[in-house]
Amino acid sequence: EQALQSQKRDYFGISSRNDTVFTEHLHELYLGFAFLTIHELGAG
């Protein structure tokens, strides 16, 4: 039981770190997309 709990905690610790990196990456992509869209609208 104790081992299972620590395994679960490790898993969630790892997954939450990955989520943070993924969210930051997604945010950068979103900003880039928004910038390109605004640029296209401005040029058009």
PDB file of N, CA and C in Angstrom:
ATOM      1  N   GLU A   1       0.839  -1.211   0.000  1.00  0.00           N
ATOM      2  CA  GLU A   1       0.000   0.000   0.000  1.00  0.00           C
ATOM      3  C   GLU A   1       0.875   1.263   0.000  1.00  0.00           C
ATOM      4  N   GLN A   2       1.884   1.253   0.869  1.00  0.00           N
ATOM      5  CA  GLN A   2       2.781   2.410   0.961  1.00  0.00           C
ATOM      6  C   GLN A   2       3.549   2.612  -0.350  1.00  0.00           C
ATOM      7  N   ALA A   3       3.998   1.500  -0.917  1.00  0.00           N
ATOM      8  CA  ALA A   3       4.753   1.576  -2.172  1.00  0.00           C
ATOM      9  C   ALA A   3       3.869   2.112  -3.292  1.00  0.00           C
ATOM     10  N   LEU A   4       2.615   1.677  -3.300  1.00  0.00           N
ATOM     11  CA  LEU A   4       1.681   2.117  -4.335  1.00  0.00           C
ATOM     12  C   LEU A   4       1.455   3.622  -4.233  1.00  0.00           C
ATOM     13  N   GLN A   5       1.315   4.106  -2.995  1.00  0.00           N
ATOM     14  CA  GLN A   5       1.097   5.534  -2.794  1.00  0.00           C
ATOM     15  C   GLN A   5       2.281   6.355  -3.302  1.00  0.00           C
ATOM     16  N   SER A   6       3.502   5.916  -3.001  1.00  0.00           N
ATOM     17  CA  SER A   6       4.670   6.678  -3.437  1.00  0.00           C
ATOM     18  C   SER A   6       4.828   6.589  -4.949  1.00  0.00           C
ATOM     19  N   GLN A   7       4.450   5.456  -5.526  1.00  0.00           N
ATOM     20  CA  GLN A   7       4.489   5.315  -6.987  1.00  0.00           C
ATOM     21  C   GLN A   7       3.525   6.307  -7.623  1.00  0.00           C
ATOM     22  N   LYS A   8       2.338   6.391  -7.045  1.00  0.00           N
ATOM     23  CA  LYS A   8       1.318   7.296  -7.560  1.00  0.00           C
ATOM     24  C   LYS A   8       1.808   8.742  -7.460  1.00  0.00           C
ATOM     25  N   ARG A   9       2.420   9.069  -6.321  1.00  0.00           N
ATOM     26  CA  ARG A   9       2.911  10.429  -6.113  1.00  0.00           C
ATOM     27  C   ARG A   9       4.010  10.755  -7.122  1.00  0.00           C
ATOM     28  N   ASP A  10       4.913   9.796  -7.363  1.00  0.00           N
ATOM     29  CA  ASP A  10       5.970  10.007  -8.357  1.00  0.00           C
ATOM     30  C   ASP A  10       5.366  10.237  -9.735  1.00  0.00           C
ATOM     31  N   TYR A  11       4.369   9.422 -10.066  1.00  0.00           N
ATOM     32  CA  TYR A  11       3.742   9.532 -11.379  1.00  0.00           C
ATOM     33  C   TYR A  11       3.104  10.901 -11.560  1.00  0.00           C
ATOM     34  N   PHE A  12       2.358  11.331 -10.544  1.00  0.00           N
ATOM     35  CA  PHE A  12       1.687  12.623 -10.665  1.00  0.00           C
ATOM     36  C   PHE A  12       2.678  13.777 -10.626  1.00  0.00           C
ATOM     37  N   GLY A  13       3.768  13.599  -9.873  1.00  0.00           N
ATOM     38  CA  GLY A  13       4.805  14.627  -9.842  1.00  0.00           C
ATOM     39  C   GLY A  13       5.412  14.806 -11.222  1.00  0.00           C
ATOM     40  N   ILE A  14       5.714  13.686 -11.876  1.00  0.00           N
ATOM     41  CA  ILE A  14       6.292  13.714 -13.219  1.00  0.00           C
ATOM     42  C   ILE A  14       5.289  14.287 -14.216  1.00  0.00           C
ATOM     43  N   SER A  15       4.034  13.829 -14.124  1.00  0.00           N
ATOM     44  CA  SER A  15       3.052  14.264 -15.109  1.00  0.00           C
ATOM     45  C   SER A  15       2.735  15.750 -14.947  1.00  0.00           C
ATOM     46  N   SER A  16       2.736  16.256 -13.716  1.00  0.00           N
ATOM     47  CA  SER A  16       2.442  17.673 -13.539  1.00  0.00           C
ATOM     48  C   SER A  16       3.590  18.525 -14.066  1.00  0.00           C
ATOM     49  N   ARG A  17       4.830  18.048 -13.929  1.00  0.00           N
ATOM     50  CA  ARG A  17       5.965  18.777 -14.503  1.00  0.00           C
ATOM     51  C   ARG A  17       5.847  18.807 -16.025  1.00  0.00           C
ATOM     52  N   ASN A  18       5.485  17.672 -16.619  1.00  0.00           N
ATOM     53  CA  ASN A  18       5.339  17.604 -18.069  1.00  0.00           C
ATOM     54  C   ASN A  18       4.212  18.512 -18.543  1.00  0.00           C
ATOM     55  N   ASP A  19       3.120  18.571 -17.783  1.00  0.00           N
ATOM     56  CA  ASP A  19       2.003  19.432 -18.150  1.00  0.00           C
ATOM     57  C   ASP A  19       2.443  20.888 -18.187  1.00  0.00           C
ATOM     58  N   THR A  20       3.279  21.291 -17.242  1.00  0.00           N
ATOM     59  CA  THR A  20       3.746  22.678 -17.196  1.00  0.00           C
ATOM     60  C   THR A  20       4.562  22.998 -18.443  1.00  0.00           C
ATOM     61  N   VAL A  21       5.467  22.103 -18.809  1.00  0.00           N
ATOM     62  CA  VAL A  21       6.290  22.299 -20.003  1.00  0.00           C
ATOM     63  C   VAL A  21       5.408  22.332 -21.238  1.00  0.00           C
ATOM     64  N   PHE A  22       4.445  21.412 -21.309  1.00  0.00           N
ATOM     65  CA  PHE A  22       3.542  21.337 -22.451  1.00  0.00           C
ATOM     66  C   PHE A  22       2.719  22.614 -22.564  1.00  0.00           C
ATOM     67  N   THR A  23       2.218  23.107 -21.419  1.00  0.00           N
ATOM     68  CA  THR A  23       1.401  24.321 -21.424  1.00  0.00           C
ATOM     69  C   THR A  23       2.213  25.521 -21.898  1.00  0.00           C
ATOM     70  N   GLU A  24       3.464  25.616 -21.432  1.00  0.00           N
ATOM     71  CA  GLU A  24       4.321  26.725 -21.861  1.00  0.00           C
ATOM     72  C   GLU A  24       4.572  26.649 -23.360  1.00  0.00           C
ATOM     73  N   HIS A  25       4.796  25.436 -23.872  1.00  0.00           N
ATOM     74  CA  HIS A  25       5.044  25.247 -25.293  1.00  0.00           C
ATOM     75  C   HIS A  25       3.808  25.629 -26.093  1.00  0.00           C
ATOM     76  N   LEU A  26       2.637  25.212 -25.617  1.00  0.00           N
ATOM     77  CA  LEU A  26       1.378  25.511 -26.287  1.00  0.00           C
ATOM     78  C   LEU A  26       1.152  27.020 -26.309  1.00  0.00           C
ATOM     79  N   HIS A  27       1.509  27.687 -25.215  1.00  0.00           N
ATOM     80  CA  HIS A  27       1.347  29.130 -25.112  1.00  0.00           C
ATOM     81  C   HIS A  27       2.215  29.833 -26.147  1.00  0.00           C
ATOM     82  N   GLU A  28       3.443  29.351 -26.326  1.00  0.00           N
ATOM     83  CA  GLU A  28       4.340  29.939 -27.325  1.00  0.00           C
ATOM     84  C   GLU A  28       3.774  29.756 -28.725  1.00  0.00           C
ATOM     85  N   LEU A  29       3.251  28.547 -28.999  1.00  0.00           N
ATOM     86  CA  LEU A  29       2.667  28.286 -30.310  1.00  0.00           C
ATOM     87  C   LEU A  29       1.473  29.201 -30.550  1.00  0.00           C
ATOM     88  N   TYR A  30       0.657  29.379 -29.509  1.00  0.00           N
ATOM     89  CA  TYR A  30      -0.526  30.226 -29.620  1.00  0.00           C
ATOM     90  C   TYR A  30      -0.137  31.672 -29.910  1.00  0.00           C
ATOM     91  N   LEU A  31       0.871  32.165 -29.188  1.00  0.00           N
ATOM     92  CA  LEU A  31       1.327  33.537 -29.413  1.00  0.00           C
ATOM     93  C   LEU A  31       1.862  33.700 -30.831  1.00  0.00           C
ATOM     94  N   GLY A  32       2.619  32.703 -31.296  1.00  0.00           N
ATOM     95  CA  GLY A  32       3.155  32.756 -32.647  1.00  0.00           C
ATOM     96  C   GLY A  32       2.040  32.770 -33.679  1.00  0.00           C
ATOM     97  N   PHE A  33       1.029  31.946 -33.456  1.00  0.00           N
ATOM     98  CA  PHE A  33      -0.105  31.865 -34.374  1.00  0.00           C
ATOM     99  C   PHE A  33      -0.879  33.183 -34.381  1.00  0.00           C
ATOM    100  N   ALA A  34      -1.096  33.746 -33.193  1.00  0.00           N
ATOM    101  CA  ALA A  34      -1.821  35.010 -33.095  1.00  0.00           C
ATOM    102  C   ALA A  34      -1.048  36.118 -33.809  1.00  0.00           C
ATOM    103  N   PHE A  35       0.279  36.124 -33.629  1.00  0.00           N
ATOM    104  CA  PHE A  35       1.118  37.134 -34.269  1.00  0.00           C
ATOM    105  C   PHE A  35       1.022  37.023 -35.784  1.00  0.00           C
ATOM    106  N   LEU A  36       1.109  35.791 -36.312  1.00  0.00           N
ATOM    107  CA  LEU A  36       1.023  35.584 -37.756  1.00  0.00           C
ATOM    108  C   LEU A  36      -0.337  36.004 -38.289  1.00  0.00           C
ATOM    109  N   THR A  37      -1.389  35.677 -37.544  1.00  0.00           N
ATOM    110  CA  THR A  37      -2.745  36.021 -37.970  1.00  0.00           C
ATOM    111  C   THR A  37      -2.921  37.529 -38.043  1.00  0.00           C
ATOM    112  N   ILE A  38      -2.464  38.228 -37.012  1.00  0.00           N
ATOM    113  CA  ILE A  38      -2.563  39.690 -36.989  1.00  0.00           C
ATOM    114  C   ILE A  38      -1.743  40.288 -38.131  1.00  0.00           C
ATOM    115  N   HIS A  39      -0.563  39.714 -38.371  1.00  0.00           N
ATOM    116  CA  HIS A  39       0.305  40.187 -39.444  1.00  0.00           C
ATOM    117  C   HIS A  39      -0.390  40.013 -40.795  1.00  0.00           C
ATOM    118  N   GLU A  40      -1.018  38.855 -40.996  1.00  0.00           N
ATOM    119  CA  GLU A  40      -1.729  38.581 -42.251  1.00  0.00           C
ATOM    120  C   GLU A  40      -2.896  39.545 -42.432  1.00  0.00           C
ATOM    121  N   LEU A  41      -3.648  39.778 -41.373  1.00  0.00           N
ATOM    122  CA  LEU A  41      -4.783  40.695 -41.448  1.00  0.00           C
ATOM    123  C   LEU A  41      -4.304  42.108 -41.750  1.00  0.00           C
ATOM    124  N   GLY A  42      -3.199  42.496 -41.125  1.00  0.00           N
ATOM    125  CA  GLY A  42      -2.644  43.826 -41.352  1.00  0.00           C
ATOM    126  C   GLY A  42      -2.158  43.985 -42.786  1.00  0.00           C
ATOM    127  N   ALA A  43      -1.545  42.931 -43.329  1.00  0.00           N
ATOM    128  CA  ALA A  43      -1.024  42.976 -44.691  1.00  0.00           C
ATOM    129  C   ALA A  43      -2.162  42.924 -45.705  1.00  0.00           C
ATOM    130  N   GLY A  44      -3.217  42.184 -45.348  1.00  0.00           N
ATOM    131  CA  GLY A  44      -4.335  42.010 -46.277  1.00  0.00           C
ATOM    132  C   GLY A  44      -5.209  43.240 -46.277  1.00  0.00           C
TER     133      GLY A  44
END
